[in-house]
Amino acid sequence: MDVEEEEEAGIVEPCVGMEFESEDAARKFYSEYARRLGFVVRVMQRRRSGIDGRTLARRLGCNKQGFSPNNRTIVGPGPDKKPRPSAREGCKATILVKMDKSGKWVVTRFEKDHNHPLVVTASGFSSSGDKDKKIEELTKELEHQDHLCVTYREKLVSFMNSVEEQTEELASKIQLIVDNIRKVESEVQNFSRRR
């Protein structure tokens, strides 16, 4: 997209000096900008305070930034490993936001240019971004299902323990009844012998 196309699509471009109330607001802004432009954001770096550990700066960039190391291009176990194609193409598009003394987050560096084509669909949504959104939704659903499995497993174990306890209790009652019947039968036999 060129500048005119961005303006027509209502895309607000980041610029050095732009301020945000929080790190999260800056990340959401850049992620939305990326989605509308046709690329996916990757969290690159974070600088923390040595005193209290809070984040002081964050660098975000295109997910095609950098190059994959060769040792990560091999997939799967066994001798028939096939090289995995790298999604990284050395793209330089990044944004750096830093927290200033007032607590606001300020864009201190912005690199706009990508060295690869951007993927924007007719609806203005990046298919890659849509995939990421779907992955996020499915991940949340999987976490929810995992939680349900743990809950159901706990209930099942509790039920099985209860059944085991009741079975033992029932077995002891049956044994008591059997013992009482034998005692009564023994008394009946002794009584009938005395006659």
C-alpha atoms as a PDB file:
ATOM      1  CA  MET A   1       0.000   0.000   0.000  1.00  0.00           C
ATOM      2  CA  ASP A   2       1.203   3.491  -0.739  1.00  0.00           C
ATOM      3  CA  VAL A   3       0.389   6.621   1.304  1.00  0.00           C
ATOM      4  CA  GLU A   4      -2.728   7.482  -0.741  1.00  0.00           C
ATOM      5  CA  GLU A   5      -4.126   3.949  -0.374  1.00  0.00           C
ATOM      6  CA  GLU A   6      -3.457   4.063   3.383  1.00  0.00           C
ATOM      7  CA  GLU A   7      -5.302   7.372   3.709  1.00  0.00           C
ATOM      8  CA  GLU A   8      -8.267   6.024   1.716  1.00  0.00           C
ATOM      9  CA  ALA A   9      -8.411   2.927   3.936  1.00  0.00           C
ATOM     10  CA  GLY A  10      -8.313   5.133   7.072  1.00  0.00           C
ATOM     11  CA  ILE A  11      -5.054   3.632   8.312  1.00  0.00           C
ATOM     12  CA  VAL A  12      -3.265   5.794  10.861  1.00  0.00           C
ATOM     13  CA  GLU A  13       0.472   5.322  10.480  1.00  0.00           C
ATOM     14  CA  PRO A  14       2.724   5.362  13.534  1.00  0.00           C
ATOM     15  CA  CYS A  15       5.257   8.178  13.783  1.00  0.00           C
ATOM     16  CA  VAL A  16       8.114   9.105  16.091  1.00  0.00           C
ATOM     17  CA  GLY A  17       6.733  11.090  19.035  1.00  0.00           C
ATOM     18  CA  MET A  18       3.300   9.414  19.000  1.00  0.00           C
ATOM     19  CA  GLU A  19       2.134   8.784  22.606  1.00  0.00           C
ATOM     20  CA  PHE A  20       0.114   5.998  24.224  1.00  0.00           C
ATOM     21  CA  GLU A  21      -1.289   5.618  27.720  1.00  0.00           C
ATOM     22  CA  SER A  22       0.219   2.125  28.165  1.00  0.00           C
ATOM     23  CA  GLU A  23       2.477  -0.465  26.596  1.00  0.00           C
ATOM     24  CA  ASP A  24      -0.613  -2.551  25.825  1.00  0.00           C
ATOM     25  CA  ALA A  25      -2.270   0.382  24.024  1.00  0.00           C
ATOM     26  CA  ALA A  26       0.860   0.848  21.868  1.00  0.00           C
ATOM     27  CA  ARG A  27       0.979  -2.886  21.067  1.00  0.00           C
ATOM     28  CA  LYS A  28      -2.729  -2.971  20.169  1.00  0.00           C
ATOM     29  CA  PHE A  29      -2.336   0.099  17.948  1.00  0.00           C
ATOM     30  CA  TYR A  30       0.631  -1.390  16.067  1.00  0.00           C
ATOM     31  CA  SER A  31      -1.106  -4.781  15.773  1.00  0.00           C
ATOM     32  CA  GLU A  32      -4.190  -3.128  14.275  1.00  0.00           C
ATOM     33  CA  TYR A  33      -2.005  -1.064  11.940  1.00  0.00           C
ATOM     34  CA  ALA A  34      -0.226  -4.265  10.871  1.00  0.00           C
ATOM     35  CA  ARG A  35      -3.494  -6.156  10.357  1.00  0.00           C
ATOM     36  CA  ARG A  36      -4.920  -3.416   8.156  1.00  0.00           C
ATOM     37  CA  LEU A  37      -1.687  -3.076   6.193  1.00  0.00           C
ATOM     38  CA  GLY A  38      -1.288  -6.830   5.695  1.00  0.00           C
ATOM     39  CA  PHE A  39       1.440  -8.161   7.971  1.00  0.00           C
ATOM     40  CA  VAL A  40       1.667  -9.923  11.322  1.00  0.00           C
ATOM     41  CA  VAL A  41       3.364  -8.436  14.392  1.00  0.00           C
ATOM     42  CA  ARG A  42       5.996 -10.277  16.381  1.00  0.00           C
ATOM     43  CA  VAL A  43       7.225  -9.134  19.804  1.00  0.00           C
ATOM     44  CA  MET A  44      10.947  -8.636  19.318  1.00  0.00           C
ATOM     45  CA  GLN A  45      12.565  -7.272  22.473  1.00  0.00           C
ATOM     46  CA  ARG A  46      11.718  -5.929  25.894  1.00  0.00           C
ATOM     47  CA  ARG A  47      13.945  -3.844  28.146  1.00  0.00           C
ATOM     48  CA  ARG A  48      13.190  -4.070  31.866  1.00  0.00           C
ATOM     49  CA  SER A  49      14.111  -1.953  34.837  1.00  0.00           C
ATOM     50  CA  GLY A  50      16.923  -3.451  36.891  1.00  0.00           C
ATOM     51  CA  ILE A  51      15.290  -2.015  40.011  1.00  0.00           C
ATOM     52  CA  ASP A  52      11.695  -3.232  39.896  1.00  0.00           C
ATOM     53  CA  GLY A  53      11.542  -5.400  36.744  1.00  0.00           C
ATOM     54  CA  ARG A  54       8.876  -3.354  34.990  1.00  0.00           C
ATOM     55  CA  THR A  55       9.047  -2.965  31.227  1.00  0.00           C
ATOM     56  CA  LEU A  56      10.706   0.263  30.077  1.00  0.00           C
ATOM     57  CA  ALA A  57      10.823  -0.310  26.306  1.00  0.00           C
ATOM     58  CA  ARG A  58       9.334  -2.695  23.790  1.00  0.00           C
ATOM     59  CA  ARG A  59      10.281  -3.380  20.184  1.00  0.00           C
ATOM     60  CA  LEU A  60       7.664  -4.862  17.866  1.00  0.00           C
ATOM     61  CA  GLY A  61       8.181  -5.798  14.259  1.00  0.00           C
ATOM     62  CA  CYS A  62       7.048  -7.694  11.227  1.00  0.00           C
ATOM     63  CA  ASN A  63       7.019 -11.462  11.746  1.00  0.00           C
ATOM     64  CA  LYS A  64       9.285 -11.730   8.673  1.00  0.00           C
ATOM     65  CA  GLN A  65      12.031  -9.751  10.449  1.00  0.00           C
ATOM     66  CA  GLY A  66      15.431 -11.415  10.736  1.00  0.00           C
ATOM     67  CA  PHE A  67      16.502 -14.797   9.426  1.00  0.00           C
ATOM     68  CA  SER A  68      15.933 -18.258  10.878  1.00  0.00           C
ATOM     69  CA  PRO A  69      19.069 -20.062  12.036  1.00  0.00           C
ATOM     70  CA  ASN A  70      19.906 -23.157   9.981  1.00  0.00           C
ATOM     71  CA  ASN A  71      19.595 -25.510  12.951  1.00  0.00           C
ATOM     72  CA  ARG A  72      15.907 -24.674  13.226  1.00  0.00           C
ATOM     73  CA  THR A  73      15.068 -25.648   9.675  1.00  0.00           C
ATOM     74  CA  ILE A  74      14.963 -29.368  10.450  1.00  0.00           C
ATOM     75  CA  VAL A  75      11.602 -30.860  11.415  1.00  0.00           C
ATOM     76  CA  GLY A  76      10.607 -34.155  12.992  1.00  0.00           C
ATOM     77  CA  PRO A  77      12.452 -37.110  14.412  1.00  0.00           C
ATOM     78  CA  GLY A  78      14.376 -39.651  12.387  1.00  0.00           C
ATOM     79  CA  PRO A  79      16.751 -39.604   9.453  1.00  0.00           C
ATOM     80  CA  ASP A  80      14.164 -38.383   6.915  1.00  0.00           C
ATOM     81  CA  LYS A  81      14.135 -34.803   8.206  1.00  0.00           C
ATOM     82  CA  LYS A  82      12.937 -32.274   5.681  1.00  0.00           C
ATOM     83  CA  PRO A  83      13.907 -28.603   5.721  1.00  0.00           C
ATOM     84  CA  ARG A  84      11.146 -26.301   6.946  1.00  0.00           C
ATOM     85  CA  PRO A  85      10.656 -23.196   4.817  1.00  0.00           C
ATOM     86  CA  SER A  86      11.510 -20.061   6.768  1.00  0.00           C
ATOM     87  CA  ALA A  87       8.863 -17.372   7.230  1.00  0.00           C
ATOM     88  CA  ARG A  88      11.571 -14.802   7.929  1.00  0.00           C
ATOM     89  CA  GLU A  89      12.915 -12.719   5.095  1.00  0.00           C
ATOM     90  CA  GLY A  90      15.078 -10.097   6.779  1.00  0.00           C
ATOM     91  CA  CYS A  91      12.296  -7.487   6.913  1.00  0.00           C
ATOM     92  CA  LYS A  92      13.289  -4.287   8.734  1.00  0.00           C
ATOM     93  CA  ALA A  93       9.783  -3.006   9.608  1.00  0.00           C
ATOM     94  CA  THR A  94       9.739  -2.261  13.350  1.00  0.00           C
ATOM     95  CA  ILE A  95       8.480   0.122  15.976  1.00  0.00           C
ATOM     96  CA  LEU A  96      10.174   0.957  19.276  1.00  0.00           C
ATOM     97  CA  VAL A  97       8.122   2.383  22.148  1.00  0.00           C
ATOM     98  CA  LYS A  98       9.630   3.580  25.407  1.00  0.00           C
ATOM     99  CA  MET A  99       8.065   4.717  28.656  1.00  0.00           C
ATOM    100  CA  ASP A 100       8.937   8.345  29.340  1.00  0.00           C
ATOM    101  CA  LYS A 101       9.204  10.048  32.742  1.00  0.00           C
ATOM    102  CA  SER A 102       5.483  10.900  32.755  1.00  0.00           C
ATOM    103  CA  GLY A 103       4.591   7.201  32.397  1.00  0.00           C
ATOM    104  CA  LYS A 104       3.353   7.548  28.813  1.00  0.00           C
ATOM    105  CA  TRP A 105       4.650   5.278  26.062  1.00  0.00           C
ATOM    106  CA  VAL A 106       6.295   7.157  23.188  1.00  0.00           C
ATOM    107  CA  VAL A 107       7.303   5.932  19.735  1.00  0.00           C
ATOM    108  CA  THR A 108      11.055   6.590  19.498  1.00  0.00           C
ATOM    109  CA  ARG A 109      11.754   4.709  16.279  1.00  0.00           C
ATOM    110  CA  PHE A 110       9.573   3.582  13.380  1.00  0.00           C
ATOM    111  CA  GLU A 111      10.689   1.718  10.283  1.00  0.00           C
ATOM    112  CA  LYS A 112       7.846   1.452   7.788  1.00  0.00           C
ATOM    113  CA  ASP A 113       9.350  -0.343   4.784  1.00  0.00           C
ATOM    114  CA  HIS A 114       8.916  -4.065   4.224  1.00  0.00           C
ATOM    115  CA  ASN A 115      11.083  -6.093   1.829  1.00  0.00           C
ATOM    116  CA  HIS A 116       8.256  -8.491   0.953  1.00  0.00           C
ATOM    117  CA  PRO A 117       4.707  -8.219  -0.378  1.00  0.00           C
ATOM    118  CA  LEU A 118       1.965  -7.472   2.139  1.00  0.00           C
ATOM    119  CA  VAL A 119      -1.125  -9.681   2.129  1.00  0.00           C
ATOM    120  CA  VAL A 120      -4.363  -7.736   2.379  1.00  0.00           C
ATOM    121  CA  THR A 121      -7.723  -9.262   1.443  1.00  0.00           C
ATOM    122  CA  ALA A 122     -10.690  -7.359  -0.024  1.00  0.00           C
ATOM    123  CA  SER A 123     -12.177  -6.908   3.467  1.00  0.00           C
ATOM    124  CA  GLY A 124      -9.001  -5.194   4.642  1.00  0.00           C
ATOM    125  CA  PHE A 125      -8.064  -8.095   6.868  1.00  0.00           C
ATOM    126  CA  SER A 126      -4.777  -9.899   6.560  1.00  0.00           C
ATOM    127  CA  SER A 127      -5.296 -13.602   6.038  1.00  0.00           C
ATOM    128  CA  SER A 128      -2.249 -14.168   8.242  1.00  0.00           C
ATOM    129  CA  GLY A 129      -3.796 -11.965  10.926  1.00  0.00           C
ATOM    130  CA  ASP A 130      -7.054 -13.870  10.614  1.00  0.00           C
ATOM    131  CA  LYS A 131      -5.114 -17.103  11.049  1.00  0.00           C
ATOM    132  CA  ASP A 132      -3.445 -15.691  14.166  1.00  0.00           C
ATOM    133  CA  LYS A 133      -6.824 -14.600  15.523  1.00  0.00           C
ATOM    134  CA  LYS A 134      -8.268 -18.053  14.840  1.00  0.00           C
ATOM    135  CA  ILE A 135      -5.243 -19.694  16.492  1.00  0.00           C
ATOM    136  CA  GLU A 136      -5.746 -17.439  19.519  1.00  0.00           C
ATOM    137  CA  GLU A 137      -9.459 -18.338  19.693  1.00  0.00           C
ATOM    138  CA  LEU A 138      -8.713 -22.048  19.361  1.00  0.00           C
ATOM    139  CA  THR A 139      -5.978 -21.811  21.989  1.00  0.00           C
ATOM    140  CA  LYS A 140      -8.442 -20.218  24.426  1.00  0.00           C
ATOM    141  CA  GLU A 141     -11.008 -22.911  23.613  1.00  0.00           C
ATOM    142  CA  LEU A 142      -8.374 -25.615  24.144  1.00  0.00           C
ATOM    143  CA  GLU A 143      -7.445 -24.101  27.520  1.00  0.00           C
ATOM    144  CA  HIS A 144     -11.145 -24.049  28.455  1.00  0.00           C
ATOM    145  CA  GLN A 145     -11.555 -27.687  27.389  1.00  0.00           C
ATOM    146  CA  ASP A 146      -8.410 -28.649  29.340  1.00  0.00           C
ATOM    147  CA  HIS A 147      -9.899 -26.980  32.412  1.00  0.00           C
ATOM    148  CA  LEU A 148     -13.152 -28.899  31.900  1.00  0.00           C
ATOM    149  CA  CYS A 149     -11.196 -32.158  31.529  1.00  0.00           C
ATOM    150  CA  VAL A 150      -9.408 -31.520  34.818  1.00  0.00           C
ATOM    151  CA  THR A 151     -12.728 -30.753  36.513  1.00  0.00           C
ATOM    152  CA  TYR A 152     -14.411 -33.856  35.066  1.00  0.00           C
ATOM    153  CA  ARG A 153     -11.392 -36.008  35.976  1.00  0.00           C
ATOM    154  CA  GLU A 154     -11.563 -34.746  39.579  1.00  0.00           C
ATOM    155  CA  LYS A 155     -15.302 -35.464  39.726  1.00  0.00           C
ATOM    156  CA  LEU A 156     -14.784 -38.930  38.222  1.00  0.00           C
ATOM    157  CA  VAL A 157     -12.029 -39.779  40.733  1.00  0.00           C
ATOM    158  CA  SER A 158     -14.247 -38.533  43.564  1.00  0.00           C
ATOM    159  CA  PHE A 159     -17.148 -40.640  42.258  1.00  0.00           C
ATOM    160  CA  MET A 160     -14.919 -43.724  41.913  1.00  0.00           C
ATOM    161  CA  ASN A 161     -13.635 -43.237  45.481  1.00  0.00           C
ATOM    162  CA  SER A 162     -17.204 -42.901  46.716  1.00  0.00           C
ATOM    163  CA  VAL A 163     -18.232 -46.084  44.867  1.00  0.00           C
ATOM    164  CA  GLU A 164     -15.226 -47.909  46.349  1.00  0.00           C
ATOM    165  CA  GLU A 165     -16.094 -46.732  49.875  1.00  0.00           C
ATOM    166  CA  GLN A 166     -19.735 -47.730  49.461  1.00  0.00           C
ATOM    167  CA  THR A 167     -18.734 -51.094  48.006  1.00  0.00           C
ATOM    168  CA  GLU A 168     -16.523 -51.779  51.044  1.00  0.00           C
ATOM    169  CA  GLU A 169     -19.293 -50.670  53.391  1.00  0.00           C
ATOM    170  CA  LEU A 170     -21.842 -52.840  51.579  1.00  0.00           C
ATOM    171  CA  ALA A 171     -19.447 -55.808  51.609  1.00  0.00           C
ATOM    172  CA  SER A 172     -18.972 -55.477  55.382  1.00  0.00           C
ATOM    173  CA  LYS A 173     -22.763 -55.291  55.891  1.00  0.00           C
ATOM    174  CA  ILE A 174     -23.279 -58.366  53.704  1.00  0.00           C
ATOM    175  CA  GLN A 175     -20.561 -60.196  55.658  1.00  0.00           C
ATOM    176  CA  LEU A 176     -22.331 -59.237  58.907  1.00  0.00           C
ATOM    177  CA  ILE A 177     -25.635 -60.558  57.538  1.00  0.00           C
ATOM    178  CA  VAL A 178     -23.977 -63.789  56.377  1.00  0.00           C
ATOM    179  CA  ASP A 179     -22.363 -64.201  59.820  1.00  0.00           C
ATOM    180  CA  ASN A 180     -25.724 -63.598  61.536  1.00  0.00           C
ATOM    181  CA  ILE A 181     -27.464 -66.129  59.253  1.00  0.00           C
ATOM    182  CA  ARG A 182     -24.781 -68.738  60.017  1.00  0.00           C
ATOM    183  CA  LYS A 183     -25.157 -68.012  63.716  1.00  0.00           C
ATOM    184  CA  VAL A 184     -28.930 -68.395  63.506  1.00  0.00           C
ATOM    185  CA  GLU A 185     -28.583 -71.616  61.449  1.00  0.00           C
ATOM    186  CA  SER A 186     -26.102 -72.963  64.010  1.00  0.00           C
ATOM    187  CA  GLU A 187     -28.471 -72.141  66.859  1.00  0.00           C
ATOM    188  CA  VAL A 188     -31.391 -73.738  64.987  1.00  0.00           C
ATOM    189  CA  GLN A 189     -29.325 -76.918  64.450  1.00  0.00           C
ATOM    190  CA  ASN A 190     -28.286 -76.995  68.121  1.00  0.00           C
ATOM    191  CA  PHE A 191     -31.864 -76.460  69.194  1.00  0.00           C
ATOM    192  CA  SER A 192     -33.171 -79.222  66.920  1.00  0.00           C
ATOM    193  CA  ARG A 193     -30.538 -81.683  68.237  1.00  0.00           C
ATOM    194  CA  ARG A 194     -31.596 -81.059  71.795  1.00  0.00           C
ATOM    195  CA  ARG A 195     -35.158 -82.107  71.020  1.00  0.00           C
END
